[in-house]
Amino acid sequence: MPVLPVPMIISLVLLGLVLHRFLTGKTHVTLLALIAVCALQSAIIALVQYYGISSLRIVQGLVASIIPAIAWLAFRQASAGHLRNQKPYVHLMIGPALAVACLIINPNWLDVVIPSLFAGYGFAILIILRQGEDSLPHSRLENGYLIVLVWRILALALIGSAATDIFIALRLASGHSDMLLWLPSLLSSITLLVLGALGLSHAIESQNDPRSERSPDTDQDKDRDTAIIEKLETYIAMHKPYLDPDLSLSRLARKLLIPEKQLSSAINKYKGENVSRYINAHRVQHACAMMQDGTSVTEAMFASGFNTKSNFNREFLRVVGANPRLWLKSRGQMQD
């Protein structure tokens, strides 16, 4: 009975994921393109490794050369909310142009060029993510930590893929080809897990606004930051924006008419925490007030801007020092 090889199965699953996310209309085209290209690459691996269509090896190299650029553009869409000033066509052309040059001059150079592309873009993503949750101002503040984690996993996957390609090249150079059948399947499986997590993380779902732009880096002075914090606290007291579960740094900055970087920097300096933790602290305080008035834990959680119980419990523990039920019990209140 014929059995599909693992890379082909993965390709079909990835295509199904692309179709599902496309029909929901939430996932940005760059992420859809990334998953689709990885699906194509998995199919090509299957055709080359398991069906003996060696003529596709050239196509395999060309497709591989474009994957890190698409991953980068998907990340920049998440971190900046747009691709202006990113010159997407330049990124999309660099890899294939270098790959074609290698095929013409010396195909063996592909073993250096493609891993370099994967590692370069992977490290570039990690460098930007050093800002933590504030590096993704267009993502929901509630799940900022998870989104940063997922993008870091993607960056490490790119770097890991580069390291693996170098390892395979070294094995081939030493005359060992025993792993060439199962290793691509393993890598495709890892890619599926990473992209699946990324596709479900809401990293770039409907959080962009074409009007928002990253403000240029400027010197921060004490008077301006003080004014920003005063304006922020007044706005929060009057409008309670933290009750919006879809609140993002970008959206909050627009409400205050303050550039994102200035707002983030002021909160970091004066509150000693990032924007996500600052907003979640207000949500926890709001939930505490509701629970003290007799509202159930679950109702207070959703009414305070949280979407998931796990995130609510984690932030509650961070702010209050105990989980919600223990906190209620310590006050002589216990609810279901």
Protein backbone atom coordinates (compact mmCIF):
# COMPACT_ATOMS: atom_id res chain seq x y z
CA MET A 1 0.00 0.00 0.00
CA PRO A 2 1.54 3.34 -1.07
CA VAL A 3 2.49 5.70 1.76
CA LEU A 4 3.18 9.41 1.43
CA PRO A 5 6.61 10.49 2.71
CA VAL A 6 6.70 12.76 5.74
CA PRO A 7 7.73 15.93 3.82
CA MET A 8 4.78 15.51 1.45
CA ILE A 9 2.37 15.05 4.35
CA ILE A 10 3.81 18.16 5.98
CA SER A 11 3.40 20.06 2.73
CA LEU A 12 -0.30 19.15 2.59
CA VAL A 13 -0.79 20.14 6.24
CA LEU A 14 0.91 23.48 5.66
CA LEU A 15 -1.24 24.15 2.62
CA GLY A 16 -4.31 23.35 4.71
CA LEU A 17 -3.10 25.82 7.33
CA VAL A 18 -2.60 28.49 4.66
CA LEU A 19 -6.12 27.92 3.33
CA HIS A 20 -7.63 28.07 6.81
CA ARG A 21 -5.81 31.27 7.75
CA PHE A 22 -6.62 32.83 4.37
CA LEU A 23 -10.33 32.16 4.79
CA THR A 24 -10.35 33.74 8.25
CA GLY A 25 -9.02 36.94 6.71
CA LYS A 26 -6.91 37.75 9.78
CA THR A 27 -3.39 36.61 8.97
CA HIS A 28 -1.23 39.01 7.00
CA VAL A 29 -0.11 38.05 3.51
CA THR A 30 3.58 37.90 4.51
CA LEU A 31 2.93 35.14 7.04
CA LEU A 32 0.71 33.29 4.58
CA ALA A 33 3.48 33.57 1.99
CA LEU A 34 6.01 32.18 4.48
CA ILE A 35 3.88 29.13 5.25
CA ALA A 36 3.10 28.60 1.56
CA VAL A 37 6.77 28.72 0.54
CA CYS A 38 7.66 26.25 3.29
CA ALA A 39 4.87 23.97 2.02
CA LEU A 40 6.36 24.20 -1.47
CA GLN A 41 9.82 23.45 -0.11
CA SER A 42 8.54 20.38 1.76
CA ALA A 43 6.92 19.10 -1.42
CA ILE A 44 10.13 19.64 -3.40
CA ILE A 45 12.15 17.79 -0.73
CA ALA A 46 9.76 14.86 -1.03
CA LEU A 47 9.97 14.83 -4.82
CA VAL A 48 13.78 14.97 -4.78
CA GLN A 49 14.54 12.66 -1.88
CA TYR A 50 11.76 10.08 -2.21
CA TYR A 51 10.68 10.20 -5.85
CA GLY A 52 14.10 10.69 -7.42
CA ILE A 53 13.27 13.86 -9.38
CA SER A 54 16.81 15.21 -9.14
CA SER A 55 16.16 17.96 -11.66
CA LEU A 56 14.28 19.83 -8.93
CA ARG A 57 17.42 20.25 -6.82
CA ILE A 58 18.03 23.59 -8.52
CA VAL A 59 14.50 24.73 -7.67
CA GLN A 60 15.02 23.49 -4.12
CA GLY A 61 18.00 25.80 -3.69
CA LEU A 62 16.16 28.78 -5.18
CA VAL A 63 13.12 28.28 -2.94
CA ALA A 64 15.34 27.87 0.12
CA SER A 65 17.09 31.15 -0.67
CA ILE A 66 13.85 33.12 -0.39
CA ILE A 67 12.48 31.64 2.87
CA PRO A 68 14.55 33.77 5.31
CA ALA A 69 13.64 37.00 3.48
CA ILE A 70 9.92 36.22 3.74
CA ALA A 71 10.35 35.36 7.43
CA TRP A 72 12.04 38.74 7.93
CA LEU A 73 9.25 40.61 6.14
CA ALA A 74 6.61 38.78 8.21
CA PHE A 75 8.45 39.80 11.36
CA ARG A 76 8.80 43.42 10.26
CA GLN A 77 5.09 43.50 9.48
CA ALA A 78 4.48 42.44 13.09
CA SER A 79 7.01 44.80 14.65
CA ALA A 80 6.38 47.91 12.55
CA GLY A 81 2.78 47.42 11.44
CA HIS A 82 3.75 48.08 7.84
CA LEU A 83 6.50 47.35 5.31
CA ARG A 84 7.22 50.91 4.31
CA ASN A 85 10.96 51.63 4.18
CA GLN A 86 11.64 47.88 4.18
CA LYS A 87 12.06 47.59 0.39
CA PRO A 88 10.44 44.12 0.30
CA TYR A 89 11.36 43.49 -3.33
CA VAL A 90 15.03 43.99 -2.54
CA HIS A 91 14.87 41.41 0.24
CA LEU A 92 12.97 38.98 -1.98
CA MET A 93 15.52 39.33 -4.81
CA ILE A 94 18.77 39.09 -2.84
CA GLY A 95 18.56 35.38 -2.05
CA PRO A 96 17.52 34.11 -5.49
CA ALA A 97 20.04 36.43 -7.20
CA LEU A 98 22.87 35.04 -5.08
CA ALA A 99 21.63 31.48 -5.64
CA VAL A 100 21.56 31.93 -9.41
CA ALA A 101 25.05 33.45 -9.33
CA CYS A 102 26.28 30.42 -7.39
CA LEU A 103 24.66 28.01 -9.84
CA ILE A 104 26.41 29.77 -12.71
CA ILE A 105 29.83 30.20 -11.10
CA ASN A 106 30.14 27.36 -8.60
CA PRO A 107 27.11 25.40 -7.27
CA ASN A 108 29.09 24.38 -4.19
CA TRP A 109 28.92 27.98 -3.00
CA LEU A 110 25.22 27.42 -2.27
CA ASP A 111 26.34 25.48 0.81
CA VAL A 112 27.71 28.77 2.15
CA VAL A 113 25.28 31.35 0.73
CA ILE A 114 21.99 29.76 1.82
CA PRO A 115 23.04 29.07 5.44
CA SER A 116 24.41 32.61 5.60
CA LEU A 117 21.03 34.00 4.55
CA PHE A 118 19.19 31.94 7.16
CA ALA A 119 21.63 32.84 9.92
CA GLY A 120 21.80 36.53 8.94
CA TYR A 121 18.05 37.09 9.00
CA GLY A 122 17.69 34.98 12.13
CA PHE A 123 20.24 37.07 14.04
CA ALA A 124 18.67 40.28 12.70
CA ILE A 125 15.30 39.26 14.20
CA LEU A 126 16.92 38.40 17.53
CA ILE A 127 18.68 41.79 17.65
CA ILE A 128 15.40 43.68 17.25
CA LEU A 129 13.71 41.45 19.83
CA ARG A 130 16.19 42.62 22.46
CA GLN A 131 13.60 45.31 23.26
CA GLY A 132 11.28 42.53 24.42
CA GLU A 133 7.53 43.03 24.17
CA ASP A 134 7.92 46.68 23.17
CA SER A 135 9.60 45.56 19.93
CA LEU A 136 6.15 44.46 18.70
CA PRO A 137 3.97 47.56 19.25
CA HIS A 138 1.19 46.30 16.96
CA SER A 139 0.61 43.10 18.91
CA ARG A 140 -1.90 42.72 21.70
CA LEU A 141 -0.33 43.81 24.97
CA GLU A 142 -1.92 40.94 26.88
CA ASN A 143 -0.05 38.26 24.94
CA GLY A 144 3.11 40.23 24.22
CA TYR A 145 5.41 37.82 26.05
CA LEU A 146 4.10 34.84 24.07
CA ILE A 147 4.39 36.62 20.74
CA VAL A 148 8.00 37.61 21.44
CA LEU A 149 8.74 34.01 22.41
CA VAL A 150 7.26 32.67 19.17
CA TRP A 151 9.28 35.09 17.03
CA ARG A 152 12.42 34.16 18.93
CA ILE A 153 11.70 30.50 18.22
CA LEU A 154 11.32 31.33 14.54
CA ALA A 155 14.64 33.23 14.55
CA LEU A 156 16.37 30.33 16.29
CA ALA A 157 14.81 27.95 13.77
CA LEU A 158 16.38 29.97 10.95
CA ILE A 159 19.76 29.88 12.69
CA GLY A 160 19.35 26.18 13.48
CA SER A 161 18.53 25.46 9.85
CA ALA A 162 21.75 27.23 8.82
CA ALA A 163 23.76 25.18 11.31
CA THR A 164 22.16 21.97 10.08
CA ASP A 165 22.91 22.81 6.43
CA ILE A 166 26.54 23.37 7.34
CA PHE A 167 26.59 20.06 9.20
CA ILE A 168 25.12 18.23 6.19
CA ALA A 169 27.66 19.86 3.87
CA LEU A 170 30.48 18.73 6.14
CA ARG A 171 29.10 15.18 6.25
CA LEU A 172 28.88 15.09 2.47
CA ALA A 173 32.41 16.42 2.14
CA SER A 174 33.63 13.61 4.38
CA GLY A 175 31.79 10.99 2.32
CA HIS A 176 28.87 10.35 4.68
CA SER A 177 25.40 10.49 3.12
CA ASP A 178 23.54 8.21 5.52
CA MET A 179 21.35 10.94 7.02
CA LEU A 180 20.26 12.70 3.87
CA LEU A 181 16.92 10.91 3.72
CA TRP A 182 15.66 11.41 7.26
CA LEU A 183 17.21 14.77 8.16
CA PRO A 184 15.16 16.90 5.69
CA SER A 185 12.02 15.22 7.03
CA LEU A 186 12.99 16.11 10.58
CA LEU A 187 13.68 19.72 9.61
CA SER A 188 10.34 19.96 7.85
CA SER A 189 8.59 18.65 10.96
CA ILE A 190 10.29 21.30 13.10
CA THR A 191 9.33 23.97 10.58
CA LEU A 192 5.71 22.82 10.74
CA LEU A 193 5.67 23.10 14.53
CA VAL A 194 7.25 26.55 14.48
CA LEU A 195 4.99 27.92 11.77
CA GLY A 196 1.93 26.33 13.31
CA ALA A 197 2.67 28.07 16.60
CA LEU A 198 3.39 31.31 14.80
CA GLY A 199 0.18 31.10 12.76
CA LEU A 200 -1.88 30.58 15.93
CA SER A 201 -0.15 33.24 18.00
CA HIS A 202 -2.10 36.22 16.58
CA ALA A 203 1.30 37.85 16.06
CA ILE A 204 0.14 39.98 13.17
CA GLU A 205 -3.60 39.46 13.14
CA SER A 206 -5.51 42.60 12.30
CA GLN A 207 -3.31 44.77 14.48
CA ASN A 208 -1.86 46.96 11.73
CA ASP A 209 -2.93 50.47 10.99
CA PRO A 210 -1.70 52.10 7.79
CA ARG A 211 -1.71 55.45 9.54
CA SER A 212 0.80 54.41 12.20
CA GLU A 213 4.49 54.88 11.64
CA ARG A 214 7.54 54.32 13.73
CA SER A 215 8.83 57.59 15.10
CA PRO A 216 12.50 58.37 14.59
CA ASP A 217 14.90 57.91 17.46
CA THR A 218 15.19 61.13 19.47
CA ASP A 219 16.85 62.15 22.77
CA GLN A 220 14.58 61.72 25.76
CA ASP A 221 14.53 64.49 28.36
CA LYS A 222 13.06 64.41 31.85
CA ASP A 223 10.43 67.12 31.36
CA ARG A 224 8.95 65.51 28.30
CA ASP A 225 8.80 62.06 29.91
CA THR A 226 7.13 63.50 33.00
CA ALA A 227 4.49 65.16 30.82
CA ILE A 228 3.92 61.89 28.96
CA ILE A 229 3.37 59.94 32.18
CA GLU A 230 0.99 62.57 33.54
CA LYS A 231 -1.00 62.52 30.31
CA LEU A 232 -1.01 58.70 30.27
CA GLU A 233 -2.23 58.34 33.85
CA THR A 234 -4.94 60.95 33.34
CA TYR A 235 -6.15 59.18 30.21
CA ILE A 236 -6.10 55.77 31.91
CA ALA A 237 -8.07 57.07 34.91
CA MET A 238 -10.71 58.66 32.68
CA HIS A 239 -11.05 56.15 29.81
CA LYS A 240 -9.72 52.82 31.17
CA PRO A 241 -8.18 51.73 27.83
CA TYR A 242 -6.77 48.60 29.51
CA LEU A 243 -10.27 47.08 29.41
CA ASP A 244 -9.84 46.66 25.66
CA PRO A 245 -8.44 43.11 25.15
CA ASP A 246 -7.05 44.16 21.75
CA LEU A 247 -5.13 47.14 23.10
CA SER A 248 -1.66 47.55 21.60
CA LEU A 249 1.17 50.00 22.17
CA SER A 250 0.47 51.50 18.77
CA ARG A 251 -3.21 52.02 19.52
CA LEU A 252 -2.52 53.52 22.95
CA ALA A 253 0.08 55.87 21.50
CA ARG A 254 -2.41 57.11 18.89
CA LYS A 255 -5.01 57.78 21.57
CA LEU A 256 -2.49 59.88 23.47
CA LEU A 257 -1.05 61.51 20.34
CA ILE A 258 2.41 60.41 21.47
CA PRO A 259 4.99 58.54 19.34
CA GLU A 260 5.29 54.86 20.29
CA LYS A 261 8.96 55.00 21.19
CA GLN A 262 8.51 58.03 23.43
CA LEU A 263 5.59 56.42 25.25
CA SER A 264 7.40 53.11 25.70
CA SER A 265 10.58 54.83 26.87
CA ALA A 266 8.74 57.02 29.39
CA ILE A 267 6.94 54.02 30.91
CA ASN A 268 10.18 52.06 31.11
CA LYS A 269 11.97 54.93 32.86
CA TYR A 270 9.28 56.05 35.28
CA LYS A 271 7.47 52.77 35.97
CA GLY A 272 10.39 50.38 35.70
CA GLU A 273 8.49 47.96 33.45
CA ASN A 274 7.45 47.58 29.84
CA VAL A 275 4.10 48.70 28.44
CA SER A 276 2.57 45.23 28.52
CA ARG A 277 3.24 44.74 32.24
CA TYR A 278 2.10 48.26 33.01
CA ILE A 279 -1.25 47.73 31.27
CA ASN A 280 -1.73 44.26 32.74
CA ALA A 281 -1.13 45.65 36.23
CA HIS A 282 -4.10 47.98 35.72
CA ARG A 283 -6.15 45.05 34.49
CA VAL A 284 -5.29 43.04 37.58
CA GLN A 285 -6.21 45.94 39.86
CA HIS A 286 -9.53 46.28 38.05
CA ALA A 287 -10.19 42.55 38.41
CA CYS A 288 -9.37 42.72 42.15
CA ALA A 289 -11.91 45.50 42.64
CA MET A 290 -14.58 43.51 40.80
CA MET A 291 -13.89 40.33 42.76
CA GLN A 292 -14.07 42.22 46.05
CA ASP A 293 -17.53 43.40 44.98
CA GLY A 294 -18.63 39.78 44.49
CA THR A 295 -17.91 39.21 40.79
CA SER A 296 -16.66 35.73 39.95
CA VAL A 297 -13.03 35.23 39.00
CA THR A 298 -13.89 34.30 35.41
CA GLU A 299 -16.23 37.26 34.90
CA ALA A 300 -13.71 39.66 36.40
CA MET A 301 -10.96 38.24 34.19
CA PHE A 302 -12.84 38.87 30.93
CA ALA A 303 -14.28 42.20 32.08
CA SER A 304 -10.78 43.45 32.87
CA GLY A 305 -9.33 42.95 29.39
CA PHE A 306 -7.79 39.47 29.67
CA ASN A 307 -8.46 36.84 27.03
CA THR A 308 -6.94 33.74 28.58
CA LYS A 309 -7.00 32.28 32.08
CA SER A 310 -3.33 31.31 31.96
CA ASN A 311 -2.20 34.86 31.23
CA PHE A 312 -4.57 36.26 33.86
CA ASN A 313 -3.26 33.88 36.54
CA ARG A 314 0.36 34.61 35.64
CA GLU A 315 -0.08 38.39 35.70
CA PHE A 316 -2.21 38.22 38.86
CA LEU A 317 0.53 36.27 40.62
CA ARG A 318 3.16 38.79 39.42
CA VAL A 319 1.20 41.84 40.59
CA VAL A 320 -0.51 40.56 43.74
CA GLY A 321 1.84 37.80 44.81
CA ALA A 322 -0.80 35.06 44.93
CA ASN A 323 -3.23 33.38 42.56
CA PRO A 324 -6.80 34.78 42.45
CA ARG A 325 -8.39 32.09 44.63
CA LEU A 326 -5.76 32.31 47.36
CA TRP A 327 -6.04 36.07 47.27
CA LEU A 328 -9.81 35.86 47.73
CA LYS A 329 -9.44 33.30 50.47
CA SER A 330 -7.04 35.57 52.35
CA ARG A 331 -9.81 38.18 52.37
CA GLY A 332 -12.46 35.78 53.57
CA GLN A 333 -14.02 35.50 50.12
CA MET A 334 -14.10 32.30 48.08
CA GLN A 335 -15.84 32.03 44.74
CA ASP A 336 -16.19 29.47 41.99
